[in-house]
Amino acid sequence: MQTLPFTLMLTAAHFCNYMKRIKSNHIITDGKLYSGYVYFDNGIIIEVSSNEIPVSFEYDATDLFVSPGFVDIHTHGGGGFAFEGNVDDIVGGCNFHLQHGTTSVCPTISAAPFESMKRSVANVKAAMCDSRLQSNIIGAHLEGPYLSLQQIGAQGALFITPPNPLEYESLIEEFPDTIARWTYAPEHDLDCAFAEYLRAHGIIASAGHTNALYSDIKKAMDAGCRLITHLYSCTSTITRDHGFRRLGVIESAFLEDDLYVEIIADGKHLPPELIQLIYKIKGSDKIALVSDSLYLTGTDIKQGKMQNTDFIIEDGVCKLMDRSAFAGSIATDDILISVLVNQAKISLAEAVKMMTETPAKTMNLDNKGTLNSGKDADIVIFDEKIRIKKVFVGGSEI
């Protein structure tokens, strides 16, 4: 356990009747545990300190854990709400995940007819300004349609196409501030024009549902790709060409220190031992936990059809009806942290870092992810079983 000195020079304004603090002997930030107080005012973290200064109100979270709000950069919905749906669905899905500690979300849109994906992006834009939204929408995440047919998983094969400049340029020009990231298969972006266009417009390019070789990943990195979408799920591995072994996406991610990786840490998509291996190689600085949760998450639905694909829910995961493969996750972010701590035996502070600081850095969110001075006061309080007790968004208790 560590304590922090009170280093910020507080002005008289900070001693007004509005500053609040959270008291805890288990404050988690920057991958470490501290004892003291989290001070915040006007929606902003003032400081984590062991010093006592006057405040308008104190929340006593003694023996509870206090962390930055969770940042989920890959989720398709939850609580019965799909992020490909209308504005009500997007708001409902974000507010559902907020109950599980997720204060910032990338609503993810699966491959579909491009006009349908465009409507979903428009709905995300509208939801970002909706007064009913209680959490933060980072921006839309498009997972397709520029994917590999050999690695589509539960995505719809009919909608998969090579990158089309007429499509993506017009979409980004129409919604320049709405799309935060785009998952694609680099091997089909032969001249890297798509990745370079994303970089030029401040959109994170992420390699996923891809059969790429190491040479493809290297070219993509040079063009700005910095992230691997759900490592080990629909990502290529070593192949042989007339006896010569060729690295795939998985080995490329391990070899290239500059690449971030997502992992679906629900304990189903990746067994604990594989999570341990990824953590050993990449470390908490380069791993972002994602739920990749379906709209089914948090519902009583046990089977049905998604995009003409039959599914069944059992063993804590969504499967294809023939049980030949998974069709998606039904985990929330609090469950991901619990899996890392209780199954993969990774420290709570490190697990929280991979659910807060690292995904925030991945998405260039300078104001999220830690409890450091000047960051947004997005804060979660939970117990030793990772049960959420209280959530703050921008300093407001939800």
Protein backbone atom coordinates (compact mmCIF):
# COMPACT_ATOMS: atom_id res chain seq x y z
CA MET A 1 0.00 0.00 0.00
CA GLN A 2 1.25 3.46 -0.90
CA THR A 3 0.27 7.01 -0.08
CA LEU A 4 0.63 10.01 -2.33
CA PRO A 5 1.89 13.42 -1.27
CA PHE A 6 -0.47 16.29 -1.86
CA THR A 7 1.47 17.96 -4.64
CA LEU A 8 -1.13 20.11 -6.41
CA MET A 9 -1.14 23.76 -5.38
CA LEU A 10 -4.75 24.39 -4.37
CA THR A 11 -6.18 27.86 -4.85
CA ALA A 12 -8.76 29.42 -2.61
CA ALA A 13 -11.42 28.47 -5.12
CA HIS A 14 -10.81 24.80 -4.39
CA PHE A 15 -11.81 25.33 -0.78
CA CYS A 16 -15.30 26.42 -1.78
CA ASN A 17 -18.41 24.51 -0.83
CA TYR A 18 -18.39 22.35 -3.95
CA MET A 19 -15.31 20.16 -3.71
CA LYS A 20 -15.98 16.57 -2.68
CA ARG A 21 -13.81 13.62 -1.79
CA ILE A 22 -13.94 9.86 -1.55
CA LYS A 23 -12.19 8.27 1.40
CA SER A 24 -10.71 4.81 0.91
CA ASN A 25 -7.79 2.63 1.93
CA HIS A 26 -7.97 0.93 -1.50
CA ILE A 27 -7.62 3.59 -4.20
CA ILE A 28 -6.50 2.09 -7.53
CA THR A 29 -4.81 4.16 -10.21
CA ASP A 30 -1.70 3.89 -12.38
CA GLY A 31 -1.58 0.15 -11.69
CA LYS A 32 -1.04 0.66 -7.94
CA LEU A 33 -2.98 0.83 -4.68
CA TYR A 34 -3.08 3.94 -2.49
CA SER A 35 -4.66 4.95 0.80
CA GLY A 36 -6.19 8.37 1.27
CA TYR A 37 -8.71 10.55 -0.54
CA VAL A 38 -9.82 11.23 -4.10
CA TYR A 39 -10.65 14.95 -4.35
CA PHE A 40 -12.79 16.20 -7.22
CA ASP A 41 -14.55 19.41 -8.16
CA ASN A 42 -16.49 20.66 -11.18
CA GLY A 43 -16.27 17.25 -12.84
CA ILE A 44 -12.47 17.07 -12.61
CA ILE A 45 -10.08 15.10 -10.39
CA ILE A 46 -8.16 17.53 -8.19
CA GLU A 47 -5.79 15.04 -6.58
CA VAL A 48 -5.33 11.72 -4.84
CA SER A 49 -3.90 12.65 -1.44
CA SER A 50 -3.30 11.46 2.08
CA ASN A 51 -3.87 15.03 3.32
CA GLU A 52 -7.19 16.24 4.71
CA ILE A 53 -8.53 19.52 3.35
CA PRO A 54 -12.00 21.10 3.66
CA VAL A 55 -14.69 19.70 1.35
CA SER A 56 -18.43 20.03 0.95
CA PHE A 57 -19.07 16.28 1.18
CA GLU A 58 -17.22 13.04 1.84
CA TYR A 59 -18.10 9.59 0.53
CA ASP A 60 -16.77 6.98 2.94
CA ALA A 61 -15.58 3.98 0.90
CA THR A 62 -13.37 2.48 3.58
CA ASP A 63 -12.57 -1.16 2.78
CA LEU A 64 -14.06 -0.70 -0.71
CA PHE A 65 -12.05 -0.21 -3.88
CA VAL A 66 -12.04 3.09 -5.76
CA SER A 67 -10.88 3.15 -9.36
CA PRO A 68 -11.19 5.14 -12.56
CA GLY A 69 -14.33 4.41 -14.57
CA PHE A 70 -14.02 1.40 -16.84
CA VAL A 71 -13.37 2.09 -20.54
CA ASP A 72 -14.81 -0.49 -22.96
CA ILE A 73 -13.66 0.11 -26.52
CA HIS A 74 -15.44 -2.92 -28.04
CA THR A 75 -19.02 -3.83 -27.15
CA HIS A 76 -22.07 -4.52 -29.31
CA GLY A 77 -24.66 -3.77 -26.63
CA GLY A 78 -26.24 -5.17 -23.50
CA GLY A 79 -29.41 -5.29 -21.46
CA GLY A 80 -31.35 -6.21 -24.59
CA PHE A 81 -30.13 -3.12 -26.46
CA ALA A 82 -28.07 -3.48 -29.67
CA PHE A 83 -25.70 -0.71 -30.72
CA GLU A 84 -26.71 -1.30 -34.36
CA GLY A 85 -30.19 -0.20 -33.29
CA ASN A 86 -31.83 3.20 -32.95
CA VAL A 87 -30.86 6.04 -30.62
CA ASP A 88 -32.96 4.60 -27.80
CA ASP A 89 -31.08 1.31 -28.09
CA ILE A 90 -27.67 2.97 -28.02
CA VAL A 91 -28.54 5.09 -24.99
CA GLY A 92 -30.09 2.07 -23.26
CA GLY A 93 -27.05 -0.12 -23.93
CA CYS A 94 -24.60 2.48 -22.62
CA ASN A 95 -26.68 3.07 -19.50
CA PHE A 96 -26.88 -0.69 -18.92
CA HIS A 97 -23.10 -1.03 -18.98
CA LEU A 98 -22.79 1.93 -16.62
CA GLN A 99 -24.40 -0.23 -13.95
CA HIS A 100 -21.35 -2.50 -14.29
CA GLY A 101 -18.80 0.30 -13.90
CA THR A 102 -18.33 1.24 -17.57
CA THR A 103 -18.27 5.02 -17.83
CA SER A 104 -16.88 5.27 -21.39
CA VAL A 105 -17.99 3.15 -24.36
CA CYS A 106 -17.25 2.58 -28.05
CA PRO A 107 -20.58 1.33 -29.45
CA THR A 108 -19.56 -1.34 -31.95
CA ILE A 109 -21.28 -1.84 -35.31
CA SER A 110 -20.91 -5.21 -37.05
CA ALA A 111 -20.57 -5.78 -40.77
CA ALA A 112 -23.84 -5.12 -42.59
CA PRO A 113 -24.99 -3.47 -45.84
CA PHE A 114 -23.04 -0.22 -45.87
CA GLU A 115 -26.14 1.97 -45.81
CA SER A 116 -27.25 0.15 -42.67
CA MET A 117 -23.86 0.74 -41.03
CA LYS A 118 -24.14 4.40 -42.03
CA ARG A 119 -27.51 4.69 -40.29
CA SER A 120 -26.00 3.15 -37.17
CA VAL A 121 -23.19 5.73 -37.19
CA ALA A 122 -25.78 8.49 -37.51
CA ASN A 123 -27.61 7.05 -34.50
CA VAL A 124 -24.39 6.95 -32.48
CA LYS A 125 -23.85 10.62 -33.29
CA ALA A 126 -27.36 11.44 -32.09
CA ALA A 127 -26.93 9.35 -28.94
CA MET A 128 -23.73 11.21 -28.05
CA CYS A 129 -25.85 14.35 -27.58
CA ASP A 130 -28.90 12.68 -26.03
CA SER A 131 -29.83 14.04 -22.59
CA ARG A 132 -30.75 10.55 -21.38
CA LEU A 133 -27.19 9.29 -21.87
CA GLN A 134 -25.53 8.91 -18.47
CA SER A 135 -22.09 7.73 -19.57
CA ASN A 136 -19.55 8.81 -22.20
CA ILE A 137 -19.64 7.65 -25.81
CA ILE A 138 -16.08 7.75 -27.16
CA GLY A 139 -17.30 7.28 -30.73
CA ALA A 140 -18.46 4.47 -32.97
CA HIS A 141 -16.35 1.38 -33.61
CA LEU A 142 -16.97 -0.13 -37.05
CA GLU A 143 -16.11 -3.83 -37.07
CA GLY A 144 -16.34 -4.41 -40.81
CA PRO A 145 -17.24 -4.71 -43.59
CA TYR A 146 -13.59 -4.83 -44.74
CA LEU A 147 -12.77 -8.15 -43.12
CA SER A 148 -11.38 -11.54 -44.15
CA LEU A 149 -13.84 -14.23 -45.19
CA GLN A 150 -11.42 -16.77 -43.69
CA GLN A 151 -11.70 -15.12 -40.25
CA ILE A 152 -15.26 -13.76 -40.06
CA GLY A 153 -16.37 -15.68 -36.98
CA ALA A 154 -20.04 -14.86 -36.39
CA GLN A 155 -20.00 -11.90 -38.80
CA GLY A 156 -22.24 -12.07 -41.87
CA ALA A 157 -20.30 -13.40 -44.88
CA LEU A 158 -22.65 -11.71 -47.35
CA PHE A 159 -21.56 -8.26 -46.17
CA ILE A 160 -17.77 -8.68 -46.35
CA THR A 161 -16.03 -6.57 -49.02
CA PRO A 162 -12.59 -5.09 -49.77
CA PRO A 163 -12.08 -1.46 -48.68
CA ASN A 164 -14.11 0.86 -50.90
CA PRO A 165 -12.92 4.50 -50.94
CA LEU A 166 -16.27 5.73 -52.24
CA GLU A 167 -17.89 4.27 -49.13
CA TYR A 168 -15.47 5.06 -46.34
CA GLU A 169 -14.42 8.52 -47.54
CA SER A 170 -18.01 9.74 -47.86
CA LEU A 171 -18.95 8.25 -44.49
CA ILE A 172 -16.03 9.84 -42.65
CA GLU A 173 -16.59 13.18 -44.38
CA GLU A 174 -20.24 13.15 -43.28
CA PHE A 175 -19.42 12.07 -39.70
CA PRO A 176 -15.92 13.43 -39.05
CA ASP A 177 -16.20 13.39 -35.25
CA THR A 178 -18.29 10.27 -34.71
CA ILE A 179 -16.12 7.30 -35.75
CA ALA A 180 -13.44 6.52 -33.17
CA ARG A 181 -12.00 3.29 -34.56
CA TRP A 182 -12.37 0.86 -37.45
CA THR A 183 -11.51 -2.86 -37.50
CA TYR A 184 -10.33 -4.20 -40.86
CA ALA A 185 -8.23 -6.94 -42.47
CA PRO A 186 -4.89 -5.35 -43.49
CA GLU A 187 -4.17 -7.98 -46.15
CA HIS A 188 -7.01 -6.53 -48.25
CA ASP A 189 -5.76 -2.94 -47.90
CA LEU A 190 -3.02 -3.60 -50.42
CA ASP A 191 -1.75 -0.04 -50.86
CA CYS A 192 -2.57 0.90 -47.21
CA ALA A 193 -4.81 3.70 -48.54
CA PHE A 194 -7.57 2.84 -46.05
CA ALA A 195 -5.31 2.79 -42.98
CA GLU A 196 -3.62 6.01 -44.04
CA TYR A 197 -7.00 7.69 -44.56
CA LEU A 198 -8.07 6.65 -41.07
CA ARG A 199 -4.87 8.01 -39.56
CA ALA A 200 -5.28 11.31 -41.42
CA HIS A 201 -8.74 11.68 -39.88
CA GLY A 202 -7.81 10.74 -36.32
CA ILE A 203 -9.49 7.31 -36.41
CA ILE A 204 -7.80 4.31 -34.79
CA ALA A 205 -7.11 1.55 -37.32
CA SER A 206 -7.33 -1.90 -35.77
CA ALA A 207 -6.43 -5.23 -37.39
CA GLY A 208 -9.11 -7.82 -36.75
CA HIS A 209 -11.03 -10.66 -38.38
CA THR A 210 -7.88 -10.95 -40.42
CA ASN A 211 -5.76 -13.65 -42.01
CA ALA A 212 -2.78 -11.30 -42.31
CA LEU A 213 0.85 -12.34 -42.38
CA TYR A 214 3.60 -10.52 -40.53
CA SER A 215 4.48 -8.58 -43.70
CA ASP A 216 0.87 -7.32 -43.89
CA ILE A 217 0.94 -6.23 -40.26
CA LYS A 218 4.24 -4.40 -40.71
CA LYS A 219 2.85 -2.46 -43.67
CA ALA A 220 -0.29 -1.67 -41.70
CA MET A 221 1.76 -0.41 -38.76
CA ASP A 222 3.70 1.89 -41.05
CA ALA A 223 0.34 3.24 -42.24
CA GLY A 224 -0.86 3.88 -38.68
CA CYS A 225 -2.45 0.64 -37.46
CA ARG A 226 -1.71 0.31 -33.75
CA LEU A 227 -4.22 -2.19 -32.34
CA ILE A 228 -5.22 -5.86 -32.73
CA THR A 229 -8.93 -6.56 -32.32
CA HIS A 230 -9.68 -9.40 -29.84
CA LEU A 231 -6.38 -11.28 -30.05
CA TYR A 232 -6.77 -15.04 -30.67
CA SER A 233 -10.38 -14.54 -31.78
CA CYS A 234 -10.46 -14.51 -35.59
CA THR A 235 -6.76 -13.66 -35.88
CA SER A 236 -4.30 -15.72 -37.94
CA THR A 237 -1.41 -17.73 -36.56
CA ILE A 238 1.65 -19.49 -37.99
CA THR A 239 1.18 -21.16 -41.37
CA ARG A 240 3.55 -23.08 -43.62
CA ASP A 241 4.35 -22.39 -47.26
CA HIS A 242 6.32 -25.29 -48.76
CA GLY A 243 7.81 -25.92 -45.35
CA PHE A 244 8.64 -22.27 -44.58
CA ARG A 245 6.83 -20.95 -41.54
CA ARG A 246 5.12 -17.56 -41.77
CA LEU A 247 4.07 -15.51 -38.77
CA GLY A 248 0.42 -14.58 -38.44
CA VAL A 249 -1.35 -11.83 -36.51
CA ILE A 250 -0.88 -13.48 -33.11
CA GLU A 251 2.89 -13.80 -33.44
CA SER A 252 3.10 -10.30 -34.95
CA ALA A 253 1.34 -8.90 -31.90
CA PHE A 254 3.84 -10.60 -29.60
CA LEU A 255 6.84 -9.54 -31.67
CA GLU A 256 5.92 -5.88 -32.15
CA ASP A 257 6.14 -3.99 -28.87
CA ASP A 258 4.29 -0.97 -30.26
CA LEU A 259 1.08 -2.91 -30.92
CA TYR A 260 -1.77 -2.79 -28.43
CA VAL A 261 -4.01 -5.84 -28.16
CA GLU A 262 -7.58 -6.32 -27.05
CA ILE A 263 -8.54 -9.49 -25.21
CA ILE A 264 -12.00 -10.80 -24.43
CA ALA A 265 -11.21 -11.78 -20.86
CA ASP A 266 -14.51 -13.50 -20.06
CA GLY A 267 -12.75 -16.78 -19.18
CA LYS A 268 -14.46 -18.43 -22.18
CA HIS A 269 -12.89 -16.96 -25.31
CA LEU A 270 -9.47 -17.22 -23.67
CA PRO A 271 -8.67 -19.72 -20.90
CA PRO A 272 -6.87 -18.28 -17.85
CA GLU A 273 -3.54 -19.80 -18.89
CA LEU A 274 -3.71 -18.04 -22.27
CA ILE A 275 -4.53 -14.75 -20.57
CA GLN A 276 -1.45 -15.30 -18.40
CA LEU A 277 0.68 -15.87 -21.50
CA ILE A 278 -0.56 -12.71 -23.21
CA TYR A 279 0.01 -10.73 -20.02
CA LYS A 280 3.52 -12.17 -19.63
CA ILE A 281 4.47 -11.10 -23.14
CA LYS A 282 2.60 -7.83 -23.66
CA GLY A 283 2.17 -6.52 -20.11
CA SER A 284 -0.56 -4.28 -18.77
CA ASP A 285 0.71 -1.28 -20.76
CA LYS A 286 -0.37 -2.90 -24.04
CA ILE A 287 -3.46 -4.95 -23.14
CA ALA A 288 -6.97 -3.51 -23.24
CA LEU A 289 -9.73 -5.63 -21.77
CA VAL A 290 -12.92 -5.61 -23.85
CA SER A 291 -16.25 -7.27 -23.25
CA ASP A 292 -17.22 -7.63 -26.95
CA SER A 293 -20.62 -8.13 -25.36
CA LEU A 294 -23.76 -8.81 -27.37
CA TYR A 295 -27.14 -7.16 -26.84
CA LEU A 296 -28.10 -10.43 -25.09
CA THR A 297 -25.83 -9.57 -22.16
CA GLY A 298 -27.78 -9.20 -18.93
CA THR A 299 -30.97 -10.71 -20.36
CA ASP A 300 -32.74 -14.03 -19.85
CA ILE A 301 -32.60 -14.91 -23.55
CA LYS A 302 -31.24 -18.43 -24.05
CA GLN A 303 -31.43 -18.91 -27.80
CA GLY A 304 -32.48 -17.16 -30.99
CA LYS A 305 -31.16 -15.69 -34.23
CA MET A 306 -28.66 -12.87 -34.92
CA GLN A 307 -28.14 -11.72 -38.52
CA ASN A 308 -29.66 -15.02 -39.69
CA THR A 309 -27.26 -16.94 -37.43
CA ASP A 310 -28.84 -19.28 -34.86
CA PHE A 311 -27.31 -19.11 -31.39
CA ILE A 312 -27.61 -20.66 -27.95
CA ILE A 313 -26.50 -19.30 -24.57
CA GLU A 314 -24.81 -21.83 -22.30
CA ASP A 315 -21.69 -22.13 -20.13
CA GLY A 316 -21.60 -18.35 -19.72
CA VAL A 317 -21.05 -17.61 -23.42
CA CYS A 318 -23.00 -17.29 -26.67
CA LYS A 319 -22.42 -20.19 -29.08
CA LEU A 320 -23.48 -21.09 -32.60
CA MET A 321 -26.45 -23.44 -32.41
CA ASP A 322 -24.31 -26.39 -33.54
CA ARG A 323 -21.81 -25.48 -30.79
CA SER A 324 -18.95 -25.47 -33.29
CA ALA A 325 -17.77 -22.01 -32.22
CA PHE A 326 -18.60 -19.03 -30.04
CA ALA A 327 -20.95 -16.37 -31.41
CA GLY A 328 -20.07 -13.68 -28.90
CA SER A 329 -19.60 -12.64 -25.30
CA ILE A 330 -22.24 -12.01 -22.65
CA ALA A 331 -19.77 -10.60 -20.10
CA THR A 332 -19.71 -7.14 -18.55
CA ASP A 333 -16.54 -5.29 -17.57
CA ASP A 334 -16.82 -6.11 -13.88
CA ILE A 335 -16.76 -9.79 -14.85
CA LEU A 336 -13.60 -9.27 -16.92
CA ILE A 337 -11.75 -7.88 -13.92
CA SER A 338 -12.99 -10.73 -11.75
CA VAL A 339 -11.74 -13.31 -14.28
CA LEU A 340 -8.28 -11.74 -14.39
CA VAL A 341 -8.00 -11.64 -10.61
CA ASN A 342 -9.63 -14.91 -9.63
CA GLN A 343 -8.79 -17.15 -12.58
CA ALA A 344 -5.68 -15.68 -14.23
CA LYS A 345 -4.22 -14.64 -10.83
CA ILE A 346 -3.31 -11.15 -12.00
CA SER A 347 -3.30 -8.40 -9.37
CA LEU A 348 -6.42 -6.29 -9.03
CA ALA A 349 -4.48 -3.08 -9.65
CA GLU A 350 -3.05 -4.45 -12.91
CA ALA A 351 -6.44 -5.80 -14.00
CA VAL A 352 -8.05 -2.42 -13.38
CA LYS A 353 -5.28 -0.73 -15.35
CA MET A 354 -6.12 -2.91 -18.36
CA MET A 355 -9.78 -1.90 -18.02
CA THR A 356 -9.11 1.82 -17.60
CA GLU A 357 -5.73 3.38 -18.34
CA THR A 358 -4.61 1.17 -21.23
CA PRO A 359 -7.81 1.35 -23.31
CA ALA A 360 -7.88 5.10 -22.72
CA LYS A 361 -4.32 5.39 -24.04
CA THR A 362 -5.19 3.13 -26.96
CA MET A 363 -7.92 5.56 -27.99
CA ASN A 364 -5.87 8.71 -27.22
CA LEU A 365 -8.26 9.72 -24.44
CA ASP A 366 -6.07 12.11 -22.48
CA ASN A 367 -8.82 12.92 -19.97
CA LYS A 368 -9.78 9.34 -19.04
CA GLY A 369 -8.29 6.22 -17.51
CA THR A 370 -6.63 7.35 -14.26
CA LEU A 371 -7.42 9.36 -11.16
CA ASN A 372 -4.59 11.81 -11.79
CA SER A 373 -4.99 15.56 -11.42
CA GLY A 374 -6.91 17.13 -14.29
CA LYS A 375 -8.62 13.94 -15.47
CA ASP A 376 -12.40 13.63 -15.73
CA ALA A 377 -13.96 12.53 -12.45
CA ASP A 378 -15.25 9.22 -13.82
CA ILE A 379 -14.99 6.98 -10.77
CA VAL A 380 -16.17 3.51 -9.75
CA ILE A 381 -16.50 2.09 -6.23
CA PHE A 382 -16.73 -1.70 -5.85
CA ASP A 383 -16.20 -4.44 -3.25
CA GLU A 384 -13.77 -7.34 -3.10
CA LYS A 385 -16.03 -9.42 -5.36
CA ILE A 386 -16.04 -6.63 -7.98
CA ARG A 387 -19.67 -5.81 -7.23
CA ILE A 388 -20.34 -2.20 -8.23
CA LYS A 389 -21.46 -0.01 -5.32
CA LYS A 390 -21.34 3.50 -6.76
CA VAL A 391 -20.48 5.19 -10.06
CA PHE A 392 -19.59 8.80 -10.84
CA VAL A 393 -19.53 10.30 -14.33
CA GLY A 394 -17.97 13.73 -14.57
CA GLY A 395 -18.13 13.99 -10.80
CA SER A 396 -21.90 13.35 -10.69
CA GLU A 397 -23.14 10.34 -8.77
CA ILE A 398 -25.26 8.11 -11.02
